[in-house]
Amino acid sequence: MIENILSGLGLETEEIKTYLLLLETGPITAGNLSKKLGFPRSSLYGFLKRLQDQGMVNESKKFDIKIFSAEAPEKISLLFKQRIEDLAEKQSLYESILPDLRKLQPSKLITPKLQIFEGEEGLKSALKDMLLYKNISTQAFWPIKKMVDILTPDFFRYLNKERIRNNLYTRAIWPKSQKLDVKQHPYLGVGERFLREIRIAPAEMDFSMGYWIYGNKAVFISSRKESFGFIIESSELIQMLLVQFELVWKISKPLIIDSKDSDKFIEEMKRY
């Protein structure tokens, strides 16, 4: 878990291992550190230099011998805070030049009507397309258990934070066989704060591929078994899917959960 967290600072696996071992050993020479890690000393100096540039490692000398030590773990929080502030500033600057960037596009730009995606990262990219929209209603015919399996809980935690920030109100229909425990997945809450309603389809309506409608597009995503998806842009198809969705919505039952099970997700959002 710690390696996954520290990778958010742009660190490679070898650099993370170097920092963690320095925490354990305390001040140590590059030679001894190289032996413990099993890294060539030439490569290790590169890892140490990058960690020093990040402010995670100190270099000192004892009897003209270089000694390396890790910065206190508390400093990592400051590095994350700085990274967040830098990104927020760049995002603000980028949004200020968006009008100029749009002017660079050809006036008769033709948007692709169909885009195909494969593999876990491709499917995540497909679903992120929805986050280009703001202040609209969306509809999801969604086998949630299979979707979380292929896209991971961490991704859905991220997706729901951004969906709420973009004011994307969602009505979702889950198959009865696909329900998940909201205690284990608090990002799946319902109600005004989550901008979401969820209903459970009749037991005989089971499906493993889902679609999510937004604007005049729909993203279709399969289960891990086939691991593919596509985005289609078609007013006529969207109209047909919405008719189907509304019919199933009427005969489906609302998902009732204890709001306490999902409160911690909203509180987490407030901190960032």
Protein backbone atom coordinates (compact mmCIF):
# COMPACT_ATOMS: atom_id res chain seq x y z
CA MET A 1 0.00 0.00 0.00
CA ILE A 2 2.80 2.45 0.89
CA GLU A 3 4.44 1.89 -2.50
CA ASN A 4 1.17 2.72 -4.25
CA ILE A 5 0.82 5.91 -2.19
CA LEU A 6 4.38 7.12 -2.72
CA SER A 7 4.13 6.47 -6.46
CA GLY A 8 1.73 9.42 -6.43
CA LEU A 9 4.81 11.63 -5.99
CA GLY A 10 6.17 10.33 -9.28
CA LEU A 11 8.65 7.94 -7.66
CA GLU A 12 9.79 4.70 -9.28
CA THR A 13 9.63 1.40 -7.38
CA GLU A 14 13.41 1.36 -6.81
CA GLU A 15 13.34 4.88 -5.38
CA ILE A 16 10.54 3.98 -3.00
CA LYS A 17 12.42 0.89 -1.80
CA THR A 18 15.52 3.01 -1.27
CA TYR A 19 13.64 5.57 0.84
CA LEU A 20 11.86 2.91 2.94
CA LEU A 21 15.11 1.07 3.66
CA LEU A 22 16.77 4.34 4.68
CA LEU A 23 13.93 4.84 7.17
CA GLU A 24 14.70 1.44 8.67
CA THR A 25 18.50 1.65 8.74
CA GLY A 26 19.07 5.26 9.65
CA PRO A 27 22.25 6.98 8.31
CA ILE A 28 24.16 4.61 6.03
CA THR A 29 26.81 4.67 3.31
CA ALA A 30 25.91 4.14 -0.33
CA GLY A 31 28.01 0.97 -0.37
CA ASN A 32 26.14 -0.67 2.50
CA LEU A 33 22.81 0.54 1.14
CA SER A 34 23.65 -0.96 -2.25
CA LYS A 35 24.36 -4.35 -0.65
CA LYS A 36 21.14 -4.37 1.33
CA LEU A 37 19.02 -3.37 -1.66
CA GLY A 38 20.84 -5.46 -4.22
CA PHE A 39 21.09 -2.46 -6.56
CA PRO A 40 24.29 -1.57 -8.46
CA ARG A 41 25.94 1.40 -6.79
CA SER A 42 25.89 3.35 -10.07
CA SER A 43 22.11 3.01 -10.28
CA LEU A 44 21.67 3.68 -6.56
CA TYR A 45 23.34 7.10 -6.82
CA GLY A 46 20.74 8.03 -9.42
CA PHE A 47 17.90 6.97 -7.12
CA LEU A 48 19.43 8.87 -4.19
CA LYS A 49 19.88 12.02 -6.28
CA ARG A 50 16.22 11.98 -7.29
CA LEU A 51 15.13 11.44 -3.69
CA GLN A 52 17.34 14.34 -2.61
CA ASP A 53 15.77 16.54 -5.28
CA GLN A 54 12.36 15.59 -3.87
CA GLY A 55 13.48 16.55 -0.38
CA MET A 56 13.14 12.99 0.94
CA VAL A 57 16.80 12.15 1.55
CA ASN A 58 19.70 14.01 3.18
CA GLU A 59 23.39 13.64 2.36
CA SER A 60 26.14 14.32 4.91
CA LYS A 61 29.79 13.42 5.38
CA LYS A 62 31.63 11.55 8.10
CA PHE A 63 35.40 11.33 7.74
CA ASP A 64 35.01 12.29 4.07
CA ILE A 65 32.60 9.39 3.52
CA LYS A 66 29.13 10.21 2.17
CA ILE A 67 26.31 9.22 4.48
CA PHE A 68 22.66 9.13 3.41
CA SER A 69 19.60 9.31 5.64
CA ALA A 70 15.84 9.58 5.13
CA GLU A 71 13.84 12.68 5.96
CA ALA A 72 11.13 12.27 8.61
CA PRO A 73 7.96 10.61 7.27
CA GLU A 74 5.97 13.70 8.28
CA LYS A 75 7.69 15.63 5.51
CA ILE A 76 5.99 13.43 2.91
CA SER A 77 2.65 15.03 3.79
CA LEU A 78 4.14 18.41 2.92
CA LEU A 79 5.33 17.05 -0.42
CA PHE A 80 1.82 15.84 -1.24
CA LYS A 81 0.39 19.20 -0.21
CA GLN A 82 2.87 21.01 -2.45
CA ARG A 83 2.06 18.68 -5.36
CA ILE A 84 -1.67 19.34 -4.92
CA GLU A 85 -1.15 23.12 -4.77
CA ASP A 86 1.06 23.06 -7.89
CA LEU A 87 -1.51 21.03 -9.81
CA ALA A 88 -4.35 23.31 -8.71
CA GLU A 89 -2.40 26.35 -9.93
CA LYS A 90 -1.66 24.71 -13.28
CA GLN A 91 -5.29 23.64 -13.65
CA SER A 92 -6.42 27.23 -13.03
CA LEU A 93 -3.97 28.54 -15.63
CA TYR A 94 -5.04 25.87 -18.11
CA GLU A 95 -8.72 26.75 -17.72
CA SER A 96 -7.88 30.40 -18.36
CA ILE A 97 -6.39 29.52 -21.78
CA LEU A 98 -9.10 27.03 -22.76
CA PRO A 99 -10.96 29.61 -24.91
CA ASP A 100 -7.78 30.20 -26.92
CA LEU A 101 -7.20 26.47 -27.31
CA ARG A 102 -10.74 25.97 -28.61
CA LYS A 103 -10.10 28.61 -31.28
CA LEU A 104 -7.26 26.43 -32.60
CA GLN A 105 -9.70 23.63 -33.47
CA PRO A 106 -10.98 23.48 -37.05
CA SER A 107 -14.44 25.02 -37.26
CA LYS A 108 -15.79 21.90 -38.97
CA LEU A 109 -14.26 19.38 -36.59
CA ILE A 110 -15.97 16.02 -36.94
CA THR A 111 -16.27 14.14 -33.65
CA PRO A 112 -15.76 10.38 -33.97
CA LYS A 113 -19.05 8.55 -33.61
CA LEU A 114 -17.53 5.38 -32.20
CA GLN A 115 -14.44 4.84 -30.07
CA ILE A 116 -13.30 1.37 -28.95
CA PHE A 117 -11.26 0.64 -25.80
CA GLU A 118 -9.60 -2.52 -24.48
CA GLY A 119 -8.04 -3.57 -21.18
CA GLU A 120 -8.40 -2.07 -17.72
CA GLU A 121 -6.63 1.23 -18.47
CA GLY A 122 -8.52 1.65 -21.72
CA LEU A 123 -11.86 1.14 -19.98
CA LYS A 124 -10.95 3.66 -17.29
CA SER A 125 -10.11 6.16 -20.01
CA ALA A 126 -13.48 5.52 -21.66
CA LEU A 127 -15.39 6.19 -18.45
CA LYS A 128 -13.40 9.37 -17.75
CA ASP A 129 -14.87 10.87 -20.93
CA MET A 130 -18.02 11.54 -18.89
CA LEU A 131 -16.00 13.88 -16.65
CA LEU A 132 -15.66 16.32 -19.55
CA TYR A 133 -19.31 17.22 -18.86
CA LYS A 134 -20.80 19.31 -16.07
CA ASN A 135 -24.28 20.02 -14.68
CA ILE A 136 -26.18 17.29 -16.52
CA SER A 137 -28.22 14.20 -15.60
CA THR A 138 -26.86 10.77 -16.43
CA GLN A 139 -28.34 7.27 -16.45
CA ALA A 140 -26.44 4.05 -15.73
CA PHE A 141 -27.61 0.50 -16.46
CA TRP A 142 -24.82 -0.86 -14.37
CA PRO A 143 -23.70 -4.34 -13.14
CA ILE A 144 -21.77 -2.69 -10.34
CA LYS A 145 -19.99 -5.74 -8.91
CA LYS A 146 -18.48 -6.64 -12.28
CA MET A 147 -17.59 -3.01 -12.99
CA VAL A 148 -15.75 -2.63 -9.67
CA ASP A 149 -13.98 -5.93 -10.34
CA ILE A 150 -12.54 -4.79 -13.64
CA LEU A 151 -12.01 -1.08 -12.88
CA THR A 152 -11.03 -1.37 -9.15
CA PRO A 153 -12.51 0.31 -6.05
CA ASP A 154 -9.84 3.04 -6.13
CA PHE A 155 -10.94 4.11 -9.59
CA PHE A 156 -14.61 4.27 -8.59
CA ARG A 157 -13.68 6.30 -5.53
CA TYR A 158 -11.94 8.78 -7.84
CA LEU A 159 -14.74 8.69 -10.43
CA ASN A 160 -17.44 9.46 -7.89
CA LYS A 161 -15.49 12.35 -6.37
CA GLU A 162 -15.10 13.94 -9.79
CA ARG A 163 -18.69 13.15 -10.78
CA ILE A 164 -20.01 14.95 -7.71
CA ARG A 165 -17.67 17.90 -8.24
CA ASN A 166 -18.92 18.18 -11.84
CA ASN A 167 -22.54 18.10 -10.65
CA LEU A 168 -23.39 14.99 -12.69
CA TYR A 169 -26.65 13.69 -11.23
CA THR A 170 -26.97 9.95 -11.76
CA ARG A 171 -29.79 7.45 -11.71
CA ALA A 172 -28.41 3.91 -11.69
CA ILE A 173 -30.03 0.50 -12.09
CA TRP A 174 -28.20 -2.51 -10.67
CA PRO A 175 -29.06 -6.19 -11.21
CA LYS A 176 -30.16 -7.85 -7.98
CA SER A 177 -27.23 -10.29 -8.22
CA GLN A 178 -24.74 -7.41 -8.49
CA LYS A 179 -25.41 -5.51 -5.25
CA LEU A 180 -22.40 -4.47 -3.20
CA ASP A 181 -22.13 -3.72 0.50
CA VAL A 182 -21.94 0.07 0.85
CA LYS A 183 -20.10 -0.37 4.16
CA GLN A 184 -17.22 -1.81 2.14
CA HIS A 185 -17.72 0.65 -0.73
CA PRO A 186 -18.80 3.98 0.82
CA TYR A 187 -18.37 5.84 -2.50
CA LEU A 188 -21.58 4.07 -3.63
CA GLY A 189 -23.84 6.12 -1.38
CA VAL A 190 -27.17 7.56 -2.46
CA GLY A 191 -29.06 10.76 -1.79
CA GLU A 192 -28.64 14.47 -2.42
CA ARG A 193 -25.03 14.67 -1.26
CA PHE A 194 -24.07 11.86 -3.64
CA LEU A 195 -26.20 13.25 -6.50
CA ARG A 196 -27.41 9.71 -7.07
CA GLU A 197 -30.40 7.38 -6.92
CA ILE A 198 -29.95 3.64 -7.24
CA ARG A 199 -32.65 1.07 -7.97
CA ILE A 200 -32.45 -2.72 -8.07
CA ALA A 201 -33.84 -4.40 -11.18
CA PRO A 202 -36.20 -7.39 -10.92
CA ALA A 203 -34.39 -10.67 -10.22
CA GLU A 204 -34.92 -12.03 -13.73
CA MET A 205 -33.08 -9.06 -15.25
CA ASP A 206 -29.43 -10.04 -14.96
CA PHE A 207 -26.67 -8.64 -17.16
CA SER A 208 -22.88 -8.45 -17.18
CA MET A 209 -22.29 -5.56 -19.59
CA GLY A 210 -23.28 -2.07 -18.56
CA TYR A 211 -23.84 1.29 -20.17
CA TRP A 212 -23.78 4.84 -18.83
CA ILE A 213 -25.60 7.62 -20.71
CA TYR A 214 -24.33 11.20 -20.58
CA GLY A 215 -25.22 13.99 -22.98
CA ASN A 216 -25.67 12.48 -26.43
CA LYS A 217 -23.17 9.71 -25.67
CA ALA A 218 -23.18 6.32 -24.00
CA VAL A 219 -20.19 4.35 -22.76
CA PHE A 220 -20.57 0.57 -22.81
CA ILE A 221 -18.26 -1.56 -20.67
CA SER A 222 -18.01 -5.34 -20.51
CA SER A 223 -17.01 -7.57 -17.61
CA ARG A 224 -13.45 -8.79 -17.09
CA LYS A 225 -14.29 -11.85 -19.18
CA GLU A 226 -14.19 -9.84 -22.42
CA SER A 227 -12.53 -6.64 -21.13
CA PHE A 228 -13.57 -4.21 -23.83
CA GLY A 229 -15.76 -1.15 -24.15
CA PHE A 230 -16.81 1.58 -26.51
CA ILE A 231 -18.23 5.09 -26.54
CA ILE A 232 -20.92 5.79 -29.07
CA GLU A 233 -22.31 9.20 -29.95
CA SER A 234 -25.75 8.94 -31.50
CA SER A 235 -28.90 10.89 -30.66
CA GLU A 236 -31.15 8.13 -31.98
CA LEU A 237 -29.41 5.40 -30.01
CA ILE A 238 -29.47 7.49 -26.84
CA GLN A 239 -33.18 8.10 -27.28
CA MET A 240 -33.78 4.35 -27.62
CA LEU A 241 -31.64 3.54 -24.56
CA LEU A 242 -33.46 6.16 -22.47
CA VAL A 243 -36.83 4.61 -23.34
CA GLN A 244 -35.51 1.22 -22.22
CA PHE A 245 -33.97 2.72 -19.09
CA GLU A 246 -37.16 4.49 -18.01
CA LEU A 247 -39.23 1.32 -18.42
CA VAL A 248 -36.84 -0.68 -16.23
CA TRP A 249 -36.55 2.21 -13.74
CA LYS A 250 -40.30 2.14 -13.14
CA ILE A 251 -40.35 -1.54 -12.21
CA SER A 252 -37.16 -1.46 -10.12
CA LYS A 253 -36.99 -0.96 -6.36
CA PRO A 254 -34.96 1.81 -4.64
CA LEU A 255 -31.77 0.76 -2.90
CA ILE A 256 -32.10 1.65 0.78
CA ILE A 257 -28.90 2.11 2.76
CA ASP A 258 -27.88 3.57 6.09
CA SER A 259 -26.32 6.98 5.33
CA LYS A 260 -23.80 6.36 8.13
CA ASP A 261 -22.19 3.73 5.91
CA SER A 262 -21.28 6.33 3.28
CA ASP A 263 -20.79 9.49 5.39
CA LYS A 264 -17.04 8.95 5.59
CA PHE A 265 -16.74 9.28 1.81
CA ILE A 266 -18.35 12.73 1.85
CA GLU A 267 -16.14 13.75 4.77
CA GLU A 268 -13.12 12.56 2.81
CA MET A 269 -14.16 14.75 -0.13
CA LYS A 270 -14.35 17.81 2.12
CA ARG A 271 -10.70 17.39 3.08
CA TYR A 272 -9.48 17.72 -0.49
